[in-house]
Amino acid sequence: MPTDPRLILLSPADNCLIAAARLDAGTQLDIEGECVTLTQTIELGHKVARHELANGEKVLRYGAVIGHVTQPVRRGAHLHTHNLESDYLPTYTHDAGHQFVHH
């Protein structure tokens, strides 16, 4: 199915697309045969939902899980910190209870 050339699919398994240009609110995009209208501006390099995502659904980029959505997301919506939580464990938490002594 055709997708607007301003959106990049990095891996066939991905459920997000990457904006190849700044896309202003109100822009109409074709995503795999469905016309969607952006409700907010999406900056260059930001993620867009390839299809509807249910609350808690994992988000894949480059075929790997990068996080999960914290609310239902419709196709064409901006995926960012307001609705996407990282599943990466920050490395600094591994030693959070340890104090380092400098000699």
C-alpha atoms as a PDB file:
ATOM      1  CA  MET A   1       0.000   0.000   0.000  1.00  0.00           C
ATOM      2  CA  PRO A   2       1.333   3.474  -0.793  1.00  0.00           C
ATOM      3  CA  THR A   3       2.568   5.752   1.968  1.00  0.00           C
ATOM      4  CA  ASP A   4       3.390   9.457   1.690  1.00  0.00           C
ATOM      5  CA  PRO A   5       7.071   9.889   0.723  1.00  0.00           C
ATOM      6  CA  ARG A   6       7.504  12.352   3.623  1.00  0.00           C
ATOM      7  CA  LEU A   7       7.234   9.334   5.956  1.00  0.00           C
ATOM      8  CA  ILE A   8       9.986   6.723   6.161  1.00  0.00           C
ATOM      9  CA  LEU A   9       9.516   3.090   7.173  1.00  0.00           C
ATOM     10  CA  LEU A  10      12.839   1.927   8.621  1.00  0.00           C
ATOM     11  CA  SER A  11      11.942  -1.776   8.931  1.00  0.00           C
ATOM     12  CA  PRO A  12       8.942  -3.820   7.690  1.00  0.00           C
ATOM     13  CA  ALA A  13       8.203  -4.867  11.302  1.00  0.00           C
ATOM     14  CA  ASP A  14       7.938  -1.261  12.542  1.00  0.00           C
ATOM     15  CA  ASN A  15       4.632   0.173  13.702  1.00  0.00           C
ATOM     16  CA  CYS A  16       5.957   3.723  13.512  1.00  0.00           C
ATOM     17  CA  LEU A  17       7.116   5.864  10.612  1.00  0.00           C
ATOM     18  CA  ILE A  18       9.708   8.641  10.696  1.00  0.00           C
ATOM     19  CA  ALA A  19       8.965  12.159   9.462  1.00  0.00           C
ATOM     20  CA  ALA A  20      11.410  13.029   6.659  1.00  0.00           C
ATOM     21  CA  ALA A  21      10.317  16.681   6.852  1.00  0.00           C
ATOM     22  CA  ARG A  22       8.517  18.983   9.259  1.00  0.00           C
ATOM     23  CA  LEU A  23       4.800  18.217   8.887  1.00  0.00           C
ATOM     24  CA  ASP A  24       2.426  20.956   9.973  1.00  0.00           C
ATOM     25  CA  ALA A  25      -0.853  20.345  11.777  1.00  0.00           C
ATOM     26  CA  GLY A  26      -3.628  20.009   9.186  1.00  0.00           C
ATOM     27  CA  THR A  27      -1.369  18.242   6.682  1.00  0.00           C
ATOM     28  CA  GLN A  28      -3.044  15.300   4.969  1.00  0.00           C
ATOM     29  CA  LEU A  29      -0.942  12.171   4.581  1.00  0.00           C
ATOM     30  CA  ASP A  30      -1.558   8.844   2.910  1.00  0.00           C
ATOM     31  CA  ILE A  31      -0.514   6.024   5.253  1.00  0.00           C
ATOM     32  CA  GLU A  32      -0.798   2.633   3.578  1.00  0.00           C
ATOM     33  CA  GLY A  33      -3.862   3.656   1.599  1.00  0.00           C
ATOM     34  CA  GLU A  34      -5.650   5.623   4.338  1.00  0.00           C
ATOM     35  CA  CYS A  35      -5.756   9.423   4.268  1.00  0.00           C
ATOM     36  CA  VAL A  36      -5.102  10.938   7.699  1.00  0.00           C
ATOM     37  CA  THR A  37      -5.029  14.579   8.776  1.00  0.00           C
ATOM     38  CA  LEU A  38      -2.390  15.557  11.314  1.00  0.00           C
ATOM     39  CA  THR A  39      -3.818  17.137  14.453  1.00  0.00           C
ATOM     40  CA  GLN A  40      -0.457  18.520  15.530  1.00  0.00           C
ATOM     41  CA  THR A  41       2.835  19.509  13.932  1.00  0.00           C
ATOM     42  CA  ILE A  42       5.410  16.732  13.711  1.00  0.00           C
ATOM     43  CA  GLU A  43       9.040  17.764  13.556  1.00  0.00           C
ATOM     44  CA  LEU A  44      11.675  16.259  11.266  1.00  0.00           C
ATOM     45  CA  GLY A  45      12.863  12.902  12.596  1.00  0.00           C
ATOM     46  CA  HIS A  46       9.929  12.365  14.955  1.00  0.00           C
ATOM     47  CA  LYS A  47       7.796   9.233  15.005  1.00  0.00           C
ATOM     48  CA  VAL A  48       4.278   8.837  13.577  1.00  0.00           C
ATOM     49  CA  ALA A  49       1.980   5.892  14.338  1.00  0.00           C
ATOM     50  CA  ARG A  50       1.830   3.589  11.314  1.00  0.00           C
ATOM     51  CA  HIS A  51      -1.518   2.214  12.536  1.00  0.00           C
ATOM     52  CA  GLU A  52      -3.719   2.396  15.631  1.00  0.00           C
ATOM     53  CA  LEU A  53      -1.961   1.332  18.821  1.00  0.00           C
ATOM     54  CA  ALA A  54      -3.677   0.115  21.992  1.00  0.00           C
ATOM     55  CA  ASN A  55      -2.656   1.342  25.432  1.00  0.00           C
ATOM     56  CA  GLY A  56       0.472  -0.574  26.487  1.00  0.00           C
ATOM     57  CA  GLU A  57       1.303  -1.763  22.959  1.00  0.00           C
ATOM     58  CA  LYS A  58       5.026  -1.961  22.187  1.00  0.00           C
ATOM     59  CA  VAL A  59       6.453   0.477  19.639  1.00  0.00           C
ATOM     60  CA  LEU A  60       8.978  -0.917  17.188  1.00  0.00           C
ATOM     61  CA  ARG A  61      11.599   1.108  15.307  1.00  0.00           C
ATOM     62  CA  TYR A  62      14.331  -0.607  13.243  1.00  0.00           C
ATOM     63  CA  GLY A  63      12.420  -3.798  14.131  1.00  0.00           C
ATOM     64  CA  ALA A  64      13.274  -3.434  17.833  1.00  0.00           C
ATOM     65  CA  VAL A  65      11.082  -2.441  20.772  1.00  0.00           C
ATOM     66  CA  ILE A  66      11.834   1.142  21.831  1.00  0.00           C
ATOM     67  CA  GLY A  67       8.992   1.571  24.313  1.00  0.00           C
ATOM     68  CA  HIS A  68       5.239   1.326  24.762  1.00  0.00           C
ATOM     69  CA  VAL A  69       2.335   3.713  24.351  1.00  0.00           C
ATOM     70  CA  THR A  70       0.715   5.051  27.518  1.00  0.00           C
ATOM     71  CA  GLN A  71      -2.678   5.660  25.906  1.00  0.00           C
ATOM     72  CA  PRO A  72      -4.529   4.588  22.755  1.00  0.00           C
ATOM     73  CA  VAL A  73      -2.948   6.162  19.659  1.00  0.00           C
ATOM     74  CA  ARG A  74      -4.625   6.609  16.294  1.00  0.00           C
ATOM     75  CA  ARG A  75      -2.933   6.114  12.928  1.00  0.00           C
ATOM     76  CA  GLY A  76      -0.939   9.201  11.968  1.00  0.00           C
ATOM     77  CA  ALA A  77      -0.591  10.502  15.535  1.00  0.00           C
ATOM     78  CA  HIS A  78       2.676  11.907  16.824  1.00  0.00           C
ATOM     79  CA  LEU A  79       4.539   9.372  19.001  1.00  0.00           C
ATOM     80  CA  HIS A  80       6.591  11.215  21.593  1.00  0.00           C
ATOM     81  CA  THR A  81       6.976  11.651  25.358  1.00  0.00           C
ATOM     82  CA  HIS A  82       3.294  12.599  25.824  1.00  0.00           C
ATOM     83  CA  ASN A  83       2.137   9.108  24.779  1.00  0.00           C
ATOM     84  CA  LEU A  84       5.287   6.958  24.553  1.00  0.00           C
ATOM     85  CA  GLU A  85       7.361   5.624  27.443  1.00  0.00           C
ATOM     86  CA  SER A  86      10.797   4.140  26.928  1.00  0.00           C
ATOM     87  CA  ASP A  87      11.326   0.501  27.857  1.00  0.00           C
ATOM     88  CA  TYR A  88      15.067   1.024  28.232  1.00  0.00           C
ATOM     89  CA  LEU A  89      16.442   0.629  31.729  1.00  0.00           C
ATOM     90  CA  PRO A  90      18.710   3.586  32.451  1.00  0.00           C
ATOM     91  CA  THR A  91      22.151   2.233  33.276  1.00  0.00           C
ATOM     92  CA  TYR A  92      22.641   4.674  36.139  1.00  0.00           C
ATOM     93  CA  THR A  93      19.956   2.869  38.179  1.00  0.00           C
ATOM     94  CA  HIS A  94      22.093  -0.278  38.443  1.00  0.00           C
ATOM     95  CA  ASP A  95      24.399   1.429  40.940  1.00  0.00           C
ATOM     96  CA  ALA A  96      21.862   3.831  42.446  1.00  0.00           C
ATOM     97  CA  GLY A  97      22.358   2.467  45.976  1.00  0.00           C
ATOM     98  CA  HIS A  98      26.146   2.486  45.858  1.00  0.00           C
ATOM     99  CA  GLN A  99      28.402   5.349  46.747  1.00  0.00           C
ATOM    100  CA  PHE A 100      31.718   5.652  45.024  1.00  0.00           C
ATOM    101  CA  VAL A 101      34.713   6.474  47.186  1.00  0.00           C
ATOM    102  CA  HIS A 102      37.604   8.268  45.538  1.00  0.00           C
ATOM    103  CA  HIS A 103      41.031   7.390  46.946  1.00  0.00           C
END
